[in-house]
Amino acid sequence: MKKVSITGDKLSIVAGRAKWGYSLNEPQQGGLAIRMVLGTGIEWCTAAVAGKVDVTDKFIGESTAPPVACAPF
């Protein structure tokens, strides 16, 4: 990860290349879901759908409404 920031109710992640363990090698990703567990045990789940950029090796999504509960692993 290059940068993770939490401001109010917004989670922003900037990541890529070798430090990002998720493949973006498909022609389209369609969406991306994230589950983050803080050291305090607080769990944060969110998803983004294809938005601004959705091509091989690059995804910039648009936020969706937060889920009521995190999906199971």
Protein backbone atom coordinates (compact mmCIF):
# COMPACT_ATOMS: atom_id res chain seq x y z
CA MET A 1 0.00 0.00 0.00
CA LYS A 2 1.15 3.49 -0.70
CA LYS A 3 -1.42 5.32 1.42
CA VAL A 4 -4.47 4.54 3.54
CA SER A 5 -6.45 7.37 5.10
CA ILE A 6 -9.64 7.52 7.12
CA THR A 7 -11.38 10.85 7.38
CA GLY A 8 -14.83 10.96 8.96
CA ASP A 9 -16.77 8.29 7.10
CA LYS A 10 -14.41 8.06 4.10
CA LEU A 11 -11.81 5.34 3.50
CA SER A 12 -9.27 6.10 0.79
CA ILE A 13 -6.63 3.64 -0.43
CA VAL A 14 -3.84 4.32 -2.89
CA ALA A 15 -1.97 1.15 -3.82
CA GLY A 16 -0.33 -0.63 -6.67
CA ARG A 17 2.38 -2.74 -8.15
CA ALA A 18 4.28 -5.23 -5.96
CA LYS A 19 2.80 -3.95 -2.68
CA TRP A 20 -0.78 -4.68 -3.83
CA GLY A 21 -1.67 -8.38 -3.64
CA TYR A 22 -4.71 -8.10 -5.91
CA SER A 23 -4.50 -8.73 -9.63
CA LEU A 24 -5.90 -6.07 -11.94
CA ASN A 25 -4.92 -7.97 -15.07
CA GLU A 26 -8.44 -8.46 -16.43
CA PRO A 27 -9.74 -6.17 -19.21
CA GLN A 28 -12.42 -4.99 -16.76
CA GLN A 29 -12.64 -5.44 -12.99
CA GLY A 30 -16.31 -4.54 -12.64
CA GLY A 31 -15.91 -3.77 -8.95
CA LEU A 32 -13.74 -4.12 -5.88
CA ALA A 33 -14.71 -4.93 -2.28
CA ILE A 34 -12.54 -4.24 0.76
CA ARG A 35 -12.67 -5.41 4.37
CA MET A 36 -10.38 -3.65 6.84
CA VAL A 37 -10.03 -4.55 10.51
CA LEU A 38 -8.40 -1.93 12.71
CA GLY A 39 -6.18 -2.86 15.66
CA THR A 40 -9.09 -2.00 17.95
CA GLY A 41 -11.21 -4.71 16.30
CA ILE A 42 -13.41 -2.23 14.45
CA GLU A 43 -14.32 -3.71 11.07
CA TRP A 44 -14.91 -1.55 8.00
CA CYS A 45 -16.35 -2.91 4.76
CA THR A 46 -16.95 -1.09 1.53
CA ALA A 47 -17.26 -1.68 -2.18
CA ALA A 48 -16.63 0.31 -5.31
CA VAL A 49 -18.13 -0.25 -8.72
CA ALA A 50 -16.52 0.55 -12.04
CA GLY A 51 -16.42 4.28 -12.41
CA LYS A 52 -13.80 6.63 -13.75
CA VAL A 53 -11.24 4.06 -14.96
CA ASP A 54 -11.66 0.28 -15.31
CA VAL A 55 -8.99 -1.16 -17.58
CA THR A 56 -6.13 -3.65 -17.30
CA ASP A 57 -3.83 -2.66 -14.40
CA LYS A 58 -5.89 0.38 -13.32
CA PHE A 59 -9.15 0.73 -11.41
CA ILE A 60 -10.61 3.96 -10.08
CA GLY A 61 -14.07 3.18 -8.78
CA GLU A 62 -17.10 5.02 -7.52
CA SER A 63 -18.18 4.33 -3.95
CA THR A 64 -21.34 2.44 -3.13
CA ALA A 65 -23.48 2.70 -0.02
CA PRO A 66 -21.88 0.88 2.92
CA PRO A 67 -23.29 -2.58 3.62
CA VAL A 68 -25.34 -3.24 6.75
CA ALA A 69 -22.88 -6.00 7.67
CA CYS A 70 -19.62 -7.24 6.19
CA ALA A 71 -19.95 -10.20 3.83
CA PRO A 72 -18.43 -13.45 5.14
CA PHE A 73 -14.98 -14.47 3.91
